[in-house]
Amino acid sequence: MKRRFSADEAKAVVRELLPHLEPACAKDGEGKPWLRVAGSLRRRKAEVGDIEFVYSPAFGPVKDGLFTREGDLTDAALESLLRDRIIEPRLNAQGGMAWGKQNKLAVHVASGIPLDFFSIQVPRFWNYLVCRTGSKENNIRLSQAAQERGLAWAPYHGGFTVDDLEKACAATGRDDLSPGGLILARSEQDVFALAGLPYLEPWER
């Protein structure tokens, strides 16, 4: 059985990691980092199996041995956490290393809490945050509701693609859609609206 951790334990780990991660993320128009905690912790569950971070990286000078190069600052921040033994990589379900550009699986060394880091481009951020926040049942509901409107939910691609042009135009009231075209979700509220569902706060999902 998968080990569970109290929300308070998880929040303590988040507080420890945020000062390392926030400066390395892209910033919005108000200077706030494109970084959110997702998953069951965001849904305010009393216990969690892991901590999920969704972020959009900033890019800038990164030390590379004796030289400095332009690079992903969040990658550099996570590598620093690895070197300091604050986190360490963890294996995926197939027993392989999962430390790619988009998805990185780790564990917080002191607490043993699994950590999932998900990198996503800013235009795709809100749509993917809804997906990673869950719950599984809510994601299924969004996907099925979208299908009834002639749309297919595309969490990795920023919104919804047009499956049935006639139904999608009728459901959205738009006449600028094309078969297979992408409708970008510009907020979490937009994700629900495009699926034709009332918005739910994370703890209601």
C-alpha atoms as a PDB file:
ATOM      1  CA  MET A   1       0.000   0.000   0.000  1.00  0.00           C
ATOM      2  CA  LYS A   2       1.276   3.446  -0.927  1.00  0.00           C
ATOM      3  CA  ARG A   3       2.532   5.401   2.065  1.00  0.00           C
ATOM      4  CA  ARG A   4       0.507   8.465   3.057  1.00  0.00           C
ATOM      5  CA  PHE A   5       1.738  11.687   4.641  1.00  0.00           C
ATOM      6  CA  SER A   6      -0.132  14.333   6.581  1.00  0.00           C
ATOM      7  CA  ALA A   7      -0.916  17.600   4.828  1.00  0.00           C
ATOM      8  CA  ASP A   8       1.099  19.423   7.497  1.00  0.00           C
ATOM      9  CA  GLU A   9       4.192  17.316   6.670  1.00  0.00           C
ATOM     10  CA  ALA A  10       3.735  18.072   2.994  1.00  0.00           C
ATOM     11  CA  LYS A  11       3.234  21.794   3.565  1.00  0.00           C
ATOM     12  CA  ALA A  12       6.484  21.929   5.557  1.00  0.00           C
ATOM     13  CA  VAL A  13       8.333  20.434   2.567  1.00  0.00           C
ATOM     14  CA  VAL A  14       6.676  22.940   0.217  1.00  0.00           C
ATOM     15  CA  ARG A  15       7.805  25.809   2.454  1.00  0.00           C
ATOM     16  CA  GLU A  16      11.351  24.447   2.354  1.00  0.00           C
ATOM     17  CA  LEU A  17      11.445  24.116  -1.446  1.00  0.00           C
ATOM     18  CA  LEU A  18       9.647  27.281  -2.570  1.00  0.00           C
ATOM     19  CA  PRO A  19      12.559  29.671  -1.859  1.00  0.00           C
ATOM     20  CA  HIS A  20      14.688  27.558  -4.220  1.00  0.00           C
ATOM     21  CA  LEU A  21      12.050  27.231  -6.943  1.00  0.00           C
ATOM     22  CA  GLU A  22      10.254  30.591  -7.064  1.00  0.00           C
ATOM     23  CA  PRO A  23      13.248  32.689  -8.235  1.00  0.00           C
ATOM     24  CA  ALA A  24      13.866  30.170 -11.038  1.00  0.00           C
ATOM     25  CA  CYS A  25      10.357  30.371 -12.517  1.00  0.00           C
ATOM     26  CA  ALA A  26       8.993  32.695 -15.175  1.00  0.00           C
ATOM     27  CA  LYS A  27       7.011  35.653 -13.776  1.00  0.00           C
ATOM     28  CA  ASP A  28       3.557  36.890 -14.712  1.00  0.00           C
ATOM     29  CA  GLY A  29       2.606  40.531 -15.304  1.00  0.00           C
ATOM     30  CA  GLU A  30       2.454  41.142 -11.551  1.00  0.00           C
ATOM     31  CA  GLY A  31       5.861  39.596 -10.939  1.00  0.00           C
ATOM     32  CA  LYS A  32       4.456  36.405  -9.424  1.00  0.00           C
ATOM     33  CA  PRO A  33       6.126  33.106 -10.332  1.00  0.00           C
ATOM     34  CA  TRP A  34       4.394  30.670 -12.637  1.00  0.00           C
ATOM     35  CA  LEU A  35       4.483  27.974  -9.972  1.00  0.00           C
ATOM     36  CA  ARG A  36       1.682  26.143  -8.175  1.00  0.00           C
ATOM     37  CA  VAL A  37       1.357  23.125  -5.928  1.00  0.00           C
ATOM     38  CA  ALA A  38      -1.158  20.748  -7.510  1.00  0.00           C
ATOM     39  CA  GLY A  39      -2.543  17.299  -6.701  1.00  0.00           C
ATOM     40  CA  SER A  40      -4.306  16.276  -3.523  1.00  0.00           C
ATOM     41  CA  LEU A  41      -2.474  18.864  -1.414  1.00  0.00           C
ATOM     42  CA  ARG A  42      -4.055  21.633  -3.500  1.00  0.00           C
ATOM     43  CA  ARG A  43      -7.399  19.886  -3.066  1.00  0.00           C
ATOM     44  CA  ARG A  44      -6.895  20.245   0.718  1.00  0.00           C
ATOM     45  CA  LYS A  45      -6.841  16.542   1.500  1.00  0.00           C
ATOM     46  CA  ALA A  46      -5.816  15.629   5.054  1.00  0.00           C
ATOM     47  CA  GLU A  47      -3.304  13.093   3.731  1.00  0.00           C
ATOM     48  CA  VAL A  48      -1.321  12.981   0.496  1.00  0.00           C
ATOM     49  CA  GLY A  49       0.757  10.393  -1.315  1.00  0.00           C
ATOM     50  CA  ASP A  50       3.064  12.934  -2.949  1.00  0.00           C
ATOM     51  CA  ILE A  51       3.553  16.626  -3.721  1.00  0.00           C
ATOM     52  CA  GLU A  52       3.103  17.864  -7.282  1.00  0.00           C
ATOM     53  CA  PHE A  53       4.631  21.111  -8.564  1.00  0.00           C
ATOM     54  CA  VAL A  54       3.541  22.674 -11.854  1.00  0.00           C
ATOM     55  CA  TYR A  55       5.807  25.454 -13.109  1.00  0.00           C
ATOM     56  CA  SER A  56       6.982  27.419 -16.113  1.00  0.00           C
ATOM     57  CA  PRO A  57      10.752  27.849 -16.091  1.00  0.00           C
ATOM     58  CA  ALA A  58      12.701  31.062 -16.453  1.00  0.00           C
ATOM     59  CA  PHE A  59      15.832  31.138 -18.575  1.00  0.00           C
ATOM     60  CA  GLY A  60      19.084  32.912 -17.831  1.00  0.00           C
ATOM     61  CA  PRO A  61      22.786  32.468 -17.045  1.00  0.00           C
ATOM     62  CA  VAL A  62      23.599  29.030 -15.631  1.00  0.00           C
ATOM     63  CA  LYS A  63      27.001  27.907 -14.343  1.00  0.00           C
ATOM     64  CA  ASP A  64      28.439  25.051 -16.393  1.00  0.00           C
ATOM     65  CA  GLY A  65      31.792  24.130 -14.890  1.00  0.00           C
ATOM     66  CA  LEU A  66      34.148  27.042 -15.498  1.00  0.00           C
ATOM     67  CA  PHE A  67      31.750  28.647 -17.950  1.00  0.00           C
ATOM     68  CA  THR A  68      28.334  30.292 -17.929  1.00  0.00           C
ATOM     69  CA  ARG A  69      25.661  29.456 -20.481  1.00  0.00           C
ATOM     70  CA  GLU A  70      22.029  30.364 -21.117  1.00  0.00           C
ATOM     71  CA  GLY A  71      19.848  27.690 -19.589  1.00  0.00           C
ATOM     72  CA  ASP A  72      16.727  26.600 -17.722  1.00  0.00           C
ATOM     73  CA  LEU A  73      16.926  28.138 -14.249  1.00  0.00           C
ATOM     74  CA  THR A  74      14.513  25.654 -12.687  1.00  0.00           C
ATOM     75  CA  ASP A  75      16.616  22.758 -13.957  1.00  0.00           C
ATOM     76  CA  ALA A  76      19.621  24.437 -12.340  1.00  0.00           C
ATOM     77  CA  ALA A  77      17.720  24.934  -9.072  1.00  0.00           C
ATOM     78  CA  LEU A  78      16.671  21.296  -8.973  1.00  0.00           C
ATOM     79  CA  GLU A  79      20.219  20.149  -9.742  1.00  0.00           C
ATOM     80  CA  SER A  80      21.390  22.262  -6.810  1.00  0.00           C
ATOM     81  CA  LEU A  81      18.826  20.586  -4.547  1.00  0.00           C
ATOM     82  CA  LEU A  82      20.140  17.215  -5.733  1.00  0.00           C
ATOM     83  CA  ARG A  83      23.739  18.164  -4.989  1.00  0.00           C
ATOM     84  CA  ASP A  84      22.769  19.348  -1.502  1.00  0.00           C
ATOM     85  CA  ARG A  85      20.923  16.045  -0.891  1.00  0.00           C
ATOM     86  CA  ILE A  86      17.671  17.869  -0.146  1.00  0.00           C
ATOM     87  CA  ILE A  87      16.022  15.791  -2.865  1.00  0.00           C
ATOM     88  CA  GLU A  88      17.078  12.744  -4.825  1.00  0.00           C
ATOM     89  CA  PRO A  89      15.708  11.153  -8.014  1.00  0.00           C
ATOM     90  CA  ARG A  90      13.179   8.365  -7.670  1.00  0.00           C
ATOM     91  CA  LEU A  91      12.377   5.561 -10.056  1.00  0.00           C
ATOM     92  CA  ASN A  92       9.144   5.392 -12.016  1.00  0.00           C
ATOM     93  CA  ALA A  93       6.718   2.447 -11.960  1.00  0.00           C
ATOM     94  CA  GLN A  94       8.835   0.631 -14.574  1.00  0.00           C
ATOM     95  CA  GLY A  95      11.964   0.959 -12.458  1.00  0.00           C
ATOM     96  CA  GLY A  96      13.617   3.527 -14.717  1.00  0.00           C
ATOM     97  CA  MET A  97      14.914   7.017 -14.051  1.00  0.00           C
ATOM     98  CA  ALA A  98      12.313   9.724 -14.644  1.00  0.00           C
ATOM     99  CA  TRP A  99      14.272  12.978 -14.933  1.00  0.00           C
ATOM    100  CA  GLY A 100      13.313  14.501 -18.280  1.00  0.00           C
ATOM    101  CA  LYS A 101      12.753  18.043 -19.479  1.00  0.00           C
ATOM    102  CA  GLN A 102       9.017  18.068 -18.713  1.00  0.00           C
ATOM    103  CA  ASN A 103       8.605  15.543 -15.891  1.00  0.00           C
ATOM    104  CA  LYS A 104      10.955  14.903 -13.000  1.00  0.00           C
ATOM    105  CA  LEU A 105      10.249  12.413 -10.217  1.00  0.00           C
ATOM    106  CA  ALA A 106      12.094  12.864  -6.945  1.00  0.00           C
ATOM    107  CA  VAL A 107      11.823  12.260  -3.220  1.00  0.00           C
ATOM    108  CA  HIS A 108      12.425  14.643  -0.333  1.00  0.00           C
ATOM    109  CA  VAL A 109      15.290  12.993   1.503  1.00  0.00           C
ATOM    110  CA  ALA A 110      14.465  14.056   5.059  1.00  0.00           C
ATOM    111  CA  SER A 111      10.753  13.206   4.992  1.00  0.00           C
ATOM    112  CA  GLY A 112      10.557  10.517   2.311  1.00  0.00           C
ATOM    113  CA  ILE A 113       7.699  12.340   0.564  1.00  0.00           C
ATOM    114  CA  PRO A 114       7.649  11.721  -3.219  1.00  0.00           C
ATOM    115  CA  LEU A 115       7.897  14.871  -5.341  1.00  0.00           C
ATOM    116  CA  ASP A 116       6.664  15.342  -8.917  1.00  0.00           C
ATOM    117  CA  PHE A 117       7.944  18.342 -10.883  1.00  0.00           C
ATOM    118  CA  PHE A 118       6.045  19.210 -14.075  1.00  0.00           C
ATOM    119  CA  SER A 119       7.394  21.853 -16.455  1.00  0.00           C
ATOM    120  CA  ILE A 120       4.940  23.475 -18.875  1.00  0.00           C
ATOM    121  CA  GLN A 121       5.074  26.530 -21.148  1.00  0.00           C
ATOM    122  CA  VAL A 122       3.227  29.609 -19.891  1.00  0.00           C
ATOM    123  CA  PRO A 123       0.434  29.537 -22.531  1.00  0.00           C
ATOM    124  CA  ARG A 124      -0.387  25.976 -21.487  1.00  0.00           C
ATOM    125  CA  PHE A 125      -0.040  26.534 -17.733  1.00  0.00           C
ATOM    126  CA  TRP A 126      -3.653  26.881 -16.551  1.00  0.00           C
ATOM    127  CA  ASN A 127      -4.999  23.988 -18.562  1.00  0.00           C
ATOM    128  CA  TYR A 128      -2.259  21.671 -17.329  1.00  0.00           C
ATOM    129  CA  LEU A 129      -2.674  22.877 -13.739  1.00  0.00           C
ATOM    130  CA  VAL A 130      -6.321  21.788 -13.841  1.00  0.00           C
ATOM    131  CA  CYS A 131      -5.228  18.352 -15.068  1.00  0.00           C
ATOM    132  CA  ARG A 132      -2.511  17.925 -12.438  1.00  0.00           C
ATOM    133  CA  THR A 133      -4.765  19.190  -9.647  1.00  0.00           C
ATOM    134  CA  GLY A 134      -7.283  16.428 -10.377  1.00  0.00           C
ATOM    135  CA  SER A 135      -9.137  14.640  -9.067  1.00  0.00           C
ATOM    136  CA  LYS A 136      -9.209  11.736 -11.510  1.00  0.00           C
ATOM    137  CA  GLU A 137     -12.993  11.851 -11.418  1.00  0.00           C
ATOM    138  CA  ASN A 138     -13.028  15.577 -12.157  1.00  0.00           C
ATOM    139  CA  ASN A 139     -10.688  15.107 -15.111  1.00  0.00           C
ATOM    140  CA  ILE A 140     -12.925  12.389 -16.536  1.00  0.00           C
ATOM    141  CA  ARG A 141     -15.937  14.655 -16.089  1.00  0.00           C
ATOM    142  CA  LEU A 142     -14.208  17.516 -17.931  1.00  0.00           C
ATOM    143  CA  SER A 143     -13.143  15.244 -20.771  1.00  0.00           C
ATOM    144  CA  GLN A 144     -16.583  13.698 -21.205  1.00  0.00           C
ATOM    145  CA  ALA A 145     -18.363  17.054 -21.055  1.00  0.00           C
ATOM    146  CA  ALA A 146     -16.007  18.439 -23.702  1.00  0.00           C
ATOM    147  CA  GLN A 147     -16.711  15.482 -25.992  1.00  0.00           C
ATOM    148  CA  GLU A 148     -20.424  16.268 -25.841  1.00  0.00           C
ATOM    149  CA  ARG A 149     -19.568  19.744 -27.179  1.00  0.00           C
ATOM    150  CA  GLY A 150     -17.499  18.437 -30.070  1.00  0.00           C
ATOM    151  CA  LEU A 151     -14.211  19.112 -28.303  1.00  0.00           C
ATOM    152  CA  ALA A 152     -11.340  16.968 -27.037  1.00  0.00           C
ATOM    153  CA  TRP A 153      -9.534  18.039 -23.876  1.00  0.00           C
ATOM    154  CA  ALA A 154      -5.793  18.306 -24.516  1.00  0.00           C
ATOM    155  CA  PRO A 155      -4.107  18.902 -21.127  1.00  0.00           C
ATOM    156  CA  TYR A 156      -0.565  18.999 -22.567  1.00  0.00           C
ATOM    157  CA  HIS A 157      -1.509  21.360 -25.384  1.00  0.00           C
ATOM    158  CA  GLY A 158      -3.117  24.233 -23.565  1.00  0.00           C
ATOM    159  CA  GLY A 159      -6.814  23.694 -24.120  1.00  0.00           C
ATOM    160  CA  PHE A 160      -9.290  21.838 -26.311  1.00  0.00           C
ATOM    161  CA  THR A 161      -9.063  20.636 -29.900  1.00  0.00           C
ATOM    162  CA  VAL A 162     -12.031  20.686 -32.267  1.00  0.00           C
ATOM    163  CA  ASP A 163     -13.298  17.168 -32.987  1.00  0.00           C
ATOM    164  CA  ASP A 164     -16.734  17.983 -34.384  1.00  0.00           C
ATOM    165  CA  LEU A 165     -16.747  21.418 -36.008  1.00  0.00           C
ATOM    166  CA  GLU A 166     -20.509  21.860 -36.158  1.00  0.00           C
ATOM    167  CA  LYS A 167     -21.083  20.864 -32.532  1.00  0.00           C
ATOM    168  CA  ALA A 168     -18.105  22.912 -31.300  1.00  0.00           C
ATOM    169  CA  CYS A 169     -19.259  26.094 -33.088  1.00  0.00           C
ATOM    170  CA  ALA A 170     -22.780  25.670 -31.719  1.00  0.00           C
ATOM    171  CA  ALA A 171     -21.557  24.985 -28.174  1.00  0.00           C
ATOM    172  CA  THR A 172     -19.035  27.830 -27.992  1.00  0.00           C
ATOM    173  CA  GLY A 173     -20.884  30.379 -30.127  1.00  0.00           C
ATOM    174  CA  ARG A 174     -17.756  30.863 -32.227  1.00  0.00           C
ATOM    175  CA  ASP A 175     -17.489  30.851 -36.005  1.00  0.00           C
ATOM    176  CA  ASP A 176     -13.701  31.033 -36.229  1.00  0.00           C
ATOM    177  CA  LEU A 177     -12.989  27.384 -35.388  1.00  0.00           C
ATOM    178  CA  SER A 178     -11.437  24.820 -37.705  1.00  0.00           C
ATOM    179  CA  PRO A 179     -11.300  20.996 -37.597  1.00  0.00           C
ATOM    180  CA  GLY A 180      -8.462  19.931 -35.319  1.00  0.00           C
ATOM    181  CA  GLY A 181      -7.823  23.517 -34.253  1.00  0.00           C
ATOM    182  CA  LEU A 182      -6.864  24.389 -30.682  1.00  0.00           C
ATOM    183  CA  ILE A 183      -8.916  26.598 -28.376  1.00  0.00           C
ATOM    184  CA  LEU A 184      -6.494  27.895 -25.740  1.00  0.00           C
ATOM    185  CA  ALA A 185      -7.661  28.000 -22.108  1.00  0.00           C
ATOM    186  CA  ARG A 186      -6.447  31.263 -20.578  1.00  0.00           C
ATOM    187  CA  SER A 187      -7.440  30.495 -16.964  1.00  0.00           C
ATOM    188  CA  GLU A 188      -8.692  27.627 -14.835  1.00  0.00           C
ATOM    189  CA  GLN A 189     -12.183  29.099 -15.113  1.00  0.00           C
ATOM    190  CA  ASP A 190     -11.793  29.011 -18.896  1.00  0.00           C
ATOM    191  CA  VAL A 191     -11.099  25.259 -18.825  1.00  0.00           C
ATOM    192  CA  PHE A 192     -14.420  24.576 -17.126  1.00  0.00           C
ATOM    193  CA  ALA A 193     -16.299  27.067 -19.295  1.00  0.00           C
ATOM    194  CA  LEU A 194     -15.013  25.515 -22.516  1.00  0.00           C
ATOM    195  CA  ALA A 195     -16.133  22.113 -21.274  1.00  0.00           C
ATOM    196  CA  GLY A 196     -19.549  23.614 -20.489  1.00  0.00           C
ATOM    197  CA  LEU A 197     -19.266  23.024 -16.745  1.00  0.00           C
ATOM    198  CA  PRO A 198     -19.541  25.370 -13.742  1.00  0.00           C
ATOM    199  CA  TYR A 199     -16.206  26.286 -12.199  1.00  0.00           C
ATOM    200  CA  LEU A 200     -15.103  24.325  -9.128  1.00  0.00           C
ATOM    201  CA  GLU A 201     -12.468  25.470  -6.652  1.00  0.00           C
ATOM    202  CA  PRO A 202      -9.613  22.945  -6.251  1.00  0.00           C
ATOM    203  CA  TRP A 203     -11.006  21.614  -2.956  1.00  0.00           C
ATOM    204  CA  GLU A 204     -14.358  20.979  -4.633  1.00  0.00           C
ATOM    205  CA  ARG A 205     -12.892  18.789  -7.360  1.00  0.00           C
END
